[in-house]
């Protein structure tokens, strides 16, 4: 089988791999990984379209980003206009015009661009990271209706000798075909995320504290905390990739059971009295009931998180013995619940709520540390601090509007 035929055979296998998850971030990570593998690229970036802008969504660089501690780079809040002032913007703009040309750009050296193009390569990242971008291949990602939904940009093709070489015509053809495949999976993952956010919007209409920004943060915190915990515990990379997306989506639904709580309690602007607090605790039970007939691993995880994310490491949490004969404590609490216990509390403390101002960052971190071994799994607390730069990046990306 020729090299070109093998690459197209690989496209079919990649489509199967992308079916393993409906989590948008995991889909984007897989798409970029496979695009780089097909073209032997050292690095790459995916942008998704949002109105008249491209939003930076995922990046990889084998030279600069070598561990999960570098995941903070995937939460950078960067947007570029869909204009001809940048390479990615130019690709998206020409795709939108529907002219069918210049939607794939291939440059042997972006530091030496022809004057026929209206843009110059932005060298600021290279200068800030002592890096040299040379060859670059970019293509538009368009859905079945011909609408541009993003751009894939690949950097520094590596040959067998691991030296920078130019992307060739076969790379252009393969990436263009791959972009069509990627568009289908991106659209599907977006629909899944929108369905989850609609469920959360129902809860937000009832409980103004349960905002889309809050659940996006808790979902991202939890996915990253799970990954770091899993790496520390020797979990295989294949298993981590399979599960991480489920953690993100399921953690976003941690408080969906609040739809079963009275508006009188949910919308109370101040602190709850003892009776109201006891009623409020039922949201954990209502949440797990919503996923009683779980149809997927994500549903099972969401059920597990709903019932256990207020359990404390020392056994003093809730609902405790109401749902478990001996109550929950220590490692008897599901890992997912122990993770969301930390991420939900952290986000609640560091954010403004209707009944409180945001706590000072150091005060929040001191509180997490103080309750290690009491409310929180001590090992997970250590993992949380290990990835705190990523936590902060997530917080910035999903700020309250």
Protein backbone atom coordinates (compact mmCIF):
# COMPACT_ATOMS: atom_id res chain seq x y z
CA UNK A 1 0.00 0.00 0.00
CA UNK A 2 1.38 3.44 -0.96
CA UNK A 3 2.06 6.05 1.68
CA UNK A 4 -0.80 8.16 0.35
CA UNK A 5 -3.24 5.22 0.42
CA UNK A 6 -2.12 4.40 3.97
CA UNK A 7 -2.83 7.96 5.09
CA UNK A 8 -6.38 7.83 3.73
CA UNK A 9 -6.86 4.43 5.37
CA UNK A 10 -5.80 6.10 8.61
CA UNK A 11 -8.61 8.65 8.16
CA UNK A 12 -11.19 5.87 8.48
CA UNK A 13 -9.55 4.61 11.67
CA UNK A 14 -9.44 8.14 13.10
CA UNK A 15 -13.17 8.57 12.56
CA UNK A 16 -13.72 5.48 14.70
CA UNK A 17 -11.47 6.89 17.44
CA UNK A 18 -13.40 10.17 17.48
CA UNK A 19 -16.63 8.29 18.18
CA UNK A 20 -15.40 7.41 21.68
CA UNK A 21 -16.34 10.78 23.17
CA UNK A 22 -18.84 13.60 22.74
CA UNK A 23 -16.89 16.04 24.93
CA UNK A 24 -15.94 19.00 22.75
CA UNK A 25 -12.55 19.62 24.34
CA UNK A 26 -11.60 15.95 24.05
CA UNK A 27 -12.74 15.88 20.42
CA UNK A 28 -10.58 18.93 19.63
CA UNK A 29 -7.60 17.38 21.40
CA UNK A 30 -8.00 14.17 19.42
CA UNK A 31 -8.50 16.03 16.12
CA UNK A 32 -5.31 18.03 16.58
CA UNK A 33 -3.33 14.96 17.68
CA UNK A 34 -4.44 13.00 14.62
CA UNK A 35 -3.93 15.91 12.21
CA UNK A 36 -0.38 16.28 13.45
CA UNK A 37 0.22 12.54 13.19
CA UNK A 38 -1.03 12.43 9.59
CA UNK A 39 1.29 15.28 8.57
CA UNK A 40 4.23 14.65 10.95
CA UNK A 41 3.81 18.10 12.53
CA UNK A 42 5.66 19.26 15.62
CA UNK A 43 2.89 21.59 16.76
CA UNK A 44 -0.57 22.87 15.96
CA UNK A 45 -3.58 24.93 16.98
CA UNK A 46 -7.34 24.68 16.50
CA UNK A 47 -9.55 27.75 16.36
CA UNK A 48 -13.35 27.64 16.46
CA UNK A 49 -15.55 30.27 14.86
CA UNK A 50 -17.65 32.56 17.08
CA UNK A 51 -19.39 35.23 15.05
CA UNK A 52 -16.77 37.46 13.44
CA UNK A 53 -13.94 36.01 15.51
CA UNK A 54 -11.86 32.86 15.78
CA UNK A 55 -11.48 31.56 19.34
CA UNK A 56 -8.25 29.84 20.31
CA UNK A 57 -9.38 26.42 21.60
CA UNK A 58 -6.57 23.89 21.66
CA UNK A 59 -2.82 23.82 21.11
CA UNK A 60 -0.06 21.21 21.12
CA UNK A 61 3.70 21.52 20.82
CA UNK A 62 6.00 18.52 21.23
CA UNK A 63 8.99 20.75 21.93
CA UNK A 64 7.46 23.19 24.42
CA UNK A 65 4.49 21.41 26.03
CA UNK A 66 5.72 18.11 27.39
CA UNK A 67 3.42 17.28 30.33
CA UNK A 68 -0.12 17.77 31.55
CA UNK A 69 1.16 20.67 33.67
CA UNK A 70 1.33 22.59 30.39
CA UNK A 71 -2.44 22.19 29.87
CA UNK A 72 -2.89 25.79 31.02
CA UNK A 73 -2.02 26.76 27.44
CA UNK A 74 -5.33 25.26 26.26
CA UNK A 75 -7.31 27.76 28.33
CA UNK A 76 -5.82 30.97 26.98
CA UNK A 77 -8.54 33.53 26.30
CA UNK A 78 -7.41 34.58 22.84
CA UNK A 79 -9.54 35.71 19.94
CA UNK A 80 -8.56 36.92 16.51
CA UNK A 81 -10.82 38.69 14.00
CA UNK A 82 -11.96 36.92 10.85
CA UNK A 83 -10.08 39.35 8.61
CA UNK A 84 -7.07 39.14 6.32
CA UNK A 85 -4.76 40.46 9.05
CA UNK A 86 -3.65 36.96 10.18
CA UNK A 87 -3.10 33.57 8.58
CA UNK A 88 -5.98 31.86 10.40
CA UNK A 89 -8.30 34.84 9.88
CA UNK A 90 -7.45 34.93 6.18
CA UNK A 91 -8.21 31.22 5.76
CA UNK A 92 -11.59 31.57 7.54
CA UNK A 93 -12.47 34.73 5.62
CA UNK A 94 -11.80 33.20 2.21
CA UNK A 95 -13.74 30.08 3.18
CA UNK A 96 -16.69 32.26 4.15
CA UNK A 97 -16.62 33.96 0.75
CA UNK A 98 -17.31 30.54 -0.74
CA UNK A 99 -14.75 31.04 -3.47
CA UNK A 100 -13.18 27.63 -2.87
CA UNK A 101 -9.65 28.98 -2.98
CA UNK A 102 -7.01 29.94 -0.45
CA UNK A 103 -8.77 27.82 2.19
CA UNK A 104 -5.56 25.80 2.42
CA UNK A 105 -2.32 27.75 2.89
CA UNK A 106 1.11 26.12 2.80
CA UNK A 107 4.24 28.10 3.63
CA UNK A 108 7.80 26.69 3.71
CA UNK A 109 8.91 29.52 6.03
CA UNK A 110 6.45 31.94 7.66
CA UNK A 111 9.30 34.35 8.40
CA UNK A 112 9.65 34.85 4.65
CA UNK A 113 6.15 35.43 3.31
CA UNK A 114 5.38 36.75 -0.13
CA UNK A 115 4.17 40.34 -0.40
CA UNK A 116 1.14 39.05 -2.29
CA UNK A 117 -0.48 38.24 1.06
CA UNK A 118 -1.97 41.02 3.22
CA UNK A 119 -0.67 39.57 6.50
CA UNK A 120 2.65 38.95 8.23
CA UNK A 121 3.35 36.15 10.66
CA UNK A 122 3.08 37.23 14.33
CA UNK A 123 6.43 36.33 15.93
CA UNK A 124 5.47 37.27 19.49
CA UNK A 125 4.90 33.66 20.64
CA UNK A 126 8.23 32.57 19.17
CA UNK A 127 10.10 35.42 20.87
CA UNK A 128 8.43 34.77 24.21
CA UNK A 129 9.19 31.05 24.16
CA UNK A 130 12.56 30.89 22.36
CA UNK A 131 10.86 28.96 19.54
CA UNK A 132 11.15 29.04 15.75
CA UNK A 133 8.04 28.52 13.66
CA UNK A 134 9.06 27.67 10.12
CA UNK A 135 6.80 25.55 7.89
CA UNK A 136 3.06 26.07 8.33
CA UNK A 137 -0.05 24.42 6.88
CA UNK A 138 -3.51 25.84 7.58
CA UNK A 139 -6.97 24.82 6.42
CA UNK A 140 -10.52 25.90 7.02
CA UNK A 141 -12.97 23.60 8.79
CA UNK A 142 -16.39 23.88 7.15
CA UNK A 143 -19.62 22.07 7.99
CA UNK A 144 -21.90 20.24 5.55
CA UNK A 145 -23.69 23.51 4.77
CA UNK A 146 -20.44 25.08 3.65
CA UNK A 147 -20.28 27.33 6.72
CA UNK A 148 -16.88 27.96 8.25
CA UNK A 149 -16.71 26.69 11.85
CA UNK A 150 -12.98 26.91 12.46
CA UNK A 151 -9.38 26.62 11.32
CA UNK A 152 -6.69 23.95 11.84
CA UNK A 153 -3.14 25.30 11.77
CA UNK A 154 -0.13 22.93 11.77
CA UNK A 155 3.49 23.94 12.36
CA UNK A 156 6.93 22.56 11.53
CA UNK A 157 6.63 19.34 9.54
CA UNK A 158 9.22 16.80 10.67
CA UNK A 159 10.68 14.21 8.31
CA UNK A 160 12.31 10.91 9.22
CA UNK A 161 15.40 12.79 10.32
CA UNK A 162 13.31 15.00 12.61
CA UNK A 163 14.33 18.14 10.73
CA UNK A 164 12.04 20.95 9.64
CA UNK A 165 10.87 20.39 6.07
CA UNK A 166 8.09 21.81 3.93
CA UNK A 167 4.57 20.37 3.94
CA UNK A 168 3.87 18.80 0.53
CA UNK A 169 0.82 18.54 -1.74
CA UNK A 170 -0.21 15.22 -0.21
CA UNK A 171 -0.25 16.93 3.21
CA UNK A 172 -2.57 19.58 1.79
CA UNK A 173 -4.93 16.96 0.33
CA UNK A 174 -4.97 14.79 3.45
CA UNK A 175 -5.50 17.72 5.83
CA UNK A 176 -8.30 19.14 3.69
CA UNK A 177 -10.09 15.74 3.70
CA UNK A 178 -9.42 15.36 7.41
CA UNK A 179 -10.95 18.80 8.06
CA UNK A 180 -14.23 17.60 6.54
CA UNK A 181 -14.20 14.62 8.90
CA UNK A 182 -13.28 16.85 11.84
CA UNK A 183 -16.18 19.20 11.11
CA UNK A 184 -18.72 16.39 11.54
CA UNK A 185 -17.35 15.43 14.95
CA UNK A 186 -17.00 19.04 16.11
CA UNK A 187 -20.62 19.76 15.21
CA UNK A 188 -21.80 16.63 17.04
CA UNK A 189 -19.78 17.51 20.14
CA UNK A 190 -21.11 21.06 20.07
CA UNK A 191 -24.67 19.75 20.02
CA UNK A 192 -23.91 17.54 23.03
CA UNK A 193 -22.42 20.47 24.94
CA UNK A 194 -25.40 22.68 24.07
CA UNK A 195 -27.77 20.00 25.40
CA UNK A 196 -25.84 19.90 28.67
CA UNK A 197 -25.83 23.70 28.91
CA UNK A 198 -29.59 23.77 28.28
CA UNK A 199 -30.10 21.41 31.22
CA UNK A 200 -27.92 23.70 33.30
CA UNK A 201 -29.82 26.75 32.04
CA UNK A 202 -32.98 25.17 33.46
CA UNK A 203 -31.25 24.98 36.82
CA UNK A 204 -29.93 28.55 36.41
CA UNK A 205 -33.47 29.84 35.79
CA UNK A 206 -34.36 28.31 39.14
CA UNK A 207 -31.08 29.04 40.95
CA UNK A 208 -29.21 32.23 39.91
CA UNK A 209 -26.02 30.87 41.53
CA UNK A 210 -25.84 27.97 39.05
CA UNK A 211 -24.42 29.90 36.08
CA UNK A 212 -23.04 28.58 32.83
CA UNK A 213 -19.63 30.05 33.68
CA UNK A 214 -19.59 28.27 37.05
CA UNK A 215 -20.35 24.85 35.59
CA UNK A 216 -17.85 25.33 32.75
CA UNK A 217 -15.19 26.11 35.34
CA UNK A 218 -16.08 23.18 37.60
CA UNK A 219 -16.17 20.85 34.58
CA UNK A 220 -12.75 21.97 33.36
CA UNK A 221 -11.20 22.00 36.87
CA UNK A 222 -12.47 18.47 37.46
CA UNK A 223 -11.27 17.08 34.13
CA UNK A 224 -7.78 18.47 34.69
CA UNK A 225 -7.67 17.29 38.30
CA UNK A 226 -8.76 13.81 37.23
CA UNK A 227 -6.03 13.69 34.57
CA UNK A 228 -3.28 14.68 37.02
CA UNK A 229 -4.54 12.20 39.63
CA UNK A 230 -4.65 9.45 36.98
CA UNK A 231 -1.11 10.16 35.78
CA UNK A 232 0.16 10.07 39.37
CA UNK A 233 -1.58 6.70 39.84
CA UNK A 234 -0.16 5.12 36.69
CA UNK A 235 -3.41 5.04 34.71
CA UNK A 236 -2.77 4.44 31.02
CA UNK A 237 -2.89 7.35 28.59
CA UNK A 238 -5.58 5.52 26.59
CA UNK A 239 -7.84 5.24 29.66
CA UNK A 240 -7.24 8.86 30.63
CA UNK A 241 -8.22 10.09 27.17
CA UNK A 242 -11.33 7.93 27.29
CA UNK A 243 -12.47 9.12 30.71
CA UNK A 244 -11.35 12.76 30.90
CA UNK A 245 -14.12 14.04 28.63
CA UNK A 246 -16.77 12.22 30.67
CA UNK A 247 -15.42 13.91 33.80
CA UNK A 248 -15.77 17.32 32.19
CA UNK A 249 -19.37 16.80 31.06
CA UNK A 250 -20.57 14.92 34.16
CA UNK A 251 -19.03 17.43 36.56
CA UNK A 252 -20.88 20.24 34.80
CA UNK A 253 -24.11 18.52 35.89
CA UNK A 254 -23.15 18.19 39.58
CA UNK A 255 -25.99 20.42 40.83
CA UNK A 256 -28.67 19.69 38.23
CA UNK A 257 -30.80 18.14 41.01
CA UNK A 258 -31.57 21.67 42.19
CA UNK A 259 -34.42 21.71 39.67
CA UNK A 260 -36.31 19.73 42.33
CA UNK A 261 -35.91 22.38 45.04
CA UNK A 262 -38.53 25.05 45.76
CA UNK A 263 -37.98 28.55 44.33
CA UNK A 264 -38.56 29.95 47.80
CA UNK A 265 -35.34 28.31 48.91
CA UNK A 266 -33.31 28.45 45.70
CA UNK A 267 -33.85 32.17 45.16
CA UNK A 268 -33.44 33.23 48.76
CA UNK A 269 -30.84 36.03 48.68
CA UNK A 270 -29.38 35.33 52.11
CA UNK A 271 -28.21 32.33 54.12
CA UNK A 272 -30.51 29.35 54.70
CA UNK A 273 -32.00 28.51 58.10
CA UNK A 274 -31.60 24.96 59.41
CA UNK A 275 -34.85 23.68 57.87
CA UNK A 276 -34.08 25.20 54.49
CA UNK A 277 -30.57 23.80 54.58
CA UNK A 278 -31.89 20.28 55.13
CA UNK A 279 -34.30 20.62 52.22
CA UNK A 280 -31.52 21.98 50.03
CA UNK A 281 -29.42 18.88 50.70
CA UNK A 282 -32.00 16.83 48.80
CA UNK A 283 -30.64 18.17 45.51
CA UNK A 284 -27.98 15.44 45.64
CA UNK A 285 -30.67 12.75 45.71
CA UNK A 286 -32.81 14.43 43.05
CA UNK A 287 -29.75 14.73 40.82
CA UNK A 288 -28.87 11.07 40.95
CA UNK A 289 -32.53 10.17 40.28
CA UNK A 290 -32.33 12.08 36.98
CA UNK A 291 -29.66 9.60 35.85
CA UNK A 292 -31.35 6.52 37.31
CA UNK A 293 -31.60 4.87 33.91
CA UNK A 294 -28.07 5.68 32.77
CA UNK A 295 -27.55 5.12 29.05
CA UNK A 296 -23.82 5.89 28.93
CA UNK A 297 -20.66 6.00 31.03
CA UNK A 298 -21.08 9.77 31.27
CA UNK A 299 -24.61 9.33 32.70
CA UNK A 300 -23.29 6.87 35.29
CA UNK A 301 -20.54 9.29 36.27
CA UNK A 302 -23.04 12.17 36.50
CA UNK A 303 -25.21 10.09 38.83
CA UNK A 304 -22.19 9.24 40.97
CA UNK A 305 -21.12 12.89 41.20
CA UNK A 306 -24.63 14.13 41.99
CA UNK A 307 -24.97 11.88 45.02
CA UNK A 308 -21.43 12.18 46.38
CA UNK A 309 -20.04 15.66 45.71
CA UNK A 310 -21.03 16.93 49.19
CA UNK A 311 -19.52 13.99 51.05
CA UNK A 312 -16.53 14.82 53.28
CA UNK A 313 -13.34 12.80 53.57
CA UNK A 314 -13.93 12.39 57.34
CA UNK A 315 -17.50 11.09 56.84
CA UNK A 316 -19.35 14.22 57.96
CA UNK A 317 -20.84 15.23 54.62
CA UNK A 318 -24.26 14.56 53.11
CA UNK A 319 -26.45 12.74 52.14
CA UNK A 320 -24.29 10.09 53.87
CA UNK A 321 -26.18 7.34 55.65
CA UNK A 322 -29.44 8.32 53.94
CA UNK A 323 -28.19 6.60 50.80
CA UNK A 324 -25.37 4.40 52.07
CA UNK A 325 -25.76 2.16 55.13
CA UNK A 326 -22.36 3.01 56.60
CA UNK A 327 -22.19 6.50 55.16
CA UNK A 328 -19.36 7.71 53.00
CA UNK A 329 -15.82 8.46 54.18
CA UNK A 330 -12.29 8.39 52.77
CA UNK A 331 -11.79 6.29 49.67
CA UNK A 332 -15.31 4.83 50.04
CA UNK A 333 -16.43 8.10 48.49
CA UNK A 334 -16.28 7.74 44.69
CA UNK A 335 -13.24 9.41 43.16
CA UNK A 336 -15.48 11.62 41.03
CA UNK A 337 -17.29 12.92 44.10
CA UNK A 338 -14.01 13.61 45.90
CA UNK A 339 -12.77 15.57 42.89
CA UNK A 340 -15.89 17.72 42.51
CA UNK A 341 -15.96 18.29 46.29
CA UNK A 342 -12.72 20.25 45.90
CA UNK A 343 -13.43 21.98 42.60
CA UNK A 344 -16.97 23.07 43.53
CA UNK A 345 -15.92 24.46 46.91
CA UNK A 346 -12.93 26.25 45.38
CA UNK A 347 -15.08 27.92 42.74
CA UNK A 348 -17.80 28.87 45.23
CA UNK A 349 -15.29 30.52 47.56
CA UNK A 350 -13.32 32.41 44.92
CA UNK A 351 -16.43 33.67 43.09
CA UNK A 352 -18.98 36.34 43.92
CA UNK A 353 -22.30 34.90 45.08
CA UNK A 354 -25.55 36.70 45.90
CA UNK A 355 -24.91 36.10 49.60
CA UNK A 356 -21.14 36.79 49.69
CA UNK A 357 -18.23 38.58 48.09
CA UNK A 358 -15.41 36.62 46.48
CA UNK A 359 -12.78 35.52 48.95
CA UNK A 360 -9.18 36.63 48.58
CA UNK A 361 -7.24 34.04 46.57
CA UNK A 362 -4.76 33.25 49.34
CA UNK A 363 -7.60 32.85 51.84
CA UNK A 364 -9.25 30.32 49.51
CA UNK A 365 -6.05 28.33 49.11
CA UNK A 366 -5.48 28.37 52.87
CA UNK A 367 -9.03 27.04 53.35
CA UNK A 368 -8.44 24.19 50.90
CA UNK A 369 -5.18 23.32 52.65
CA UNK A 370 -6.73 23.55 56.12
CA UNK A 371 -9.50 21.13 55.20
CA UNK A 372 -7.22 18.55 53.59
CA UNK A 373 -8.01 15.27 55.37
CA UNK A 374 -11.23 16.74 56.79
CA UNK A 375 -13.44 17.75 53.88
CA UNK A 376 -11.04 16.88 51.09
CA UNK A 377 -9.00 13.89 49.93
CA UNK A 378 -5.41 14.84 50.94
CA UNK A 379 -3.83 13.36 47.82
CA UNK A 380 -6.27 15.21 45.57
CA UNK A 381 -5.48 18.45 47.41
CA UNK A 382 -1.80 17.91 46.55
CA UNK A 383 -2.78 17.26 42.92
CA UNK A 384 -4.93 20.41 42.93
CA UNK A 385 -1.99 22.56 43.98
CA UNK A 386 0.23 20.82 41.42
CA UNK A 387 -2.01 22.04 38.58
CA UNK A 388 -2.95 25.39 40.08
CA UNK A 389 -1.58 27.37 37.12
CA UNK A 390 -4.07 25.49 34.92
CA UNK A 391 -6.85 26.13 37.46
CA UNK A 392 -6.17 29.86 37.26
CA UNK A 393 -6.16 29.80 33.46
CA UNK A 394 -9.57 28.08 33.48
CA UNK A 395 -10.90 30.69 35.87
CA UNK A 396 -9.91 33.47 33.49
CA UNK A 397 -11.28 31.74 30.39
CA UNK A 398 -14.74 31.17 31.92
CA UNK A 399 -15.24 34.47 33.71
CA UNK A 400 -18.77 35.50 34.64
CA UNK A 401 -20.34 37.75 32.02
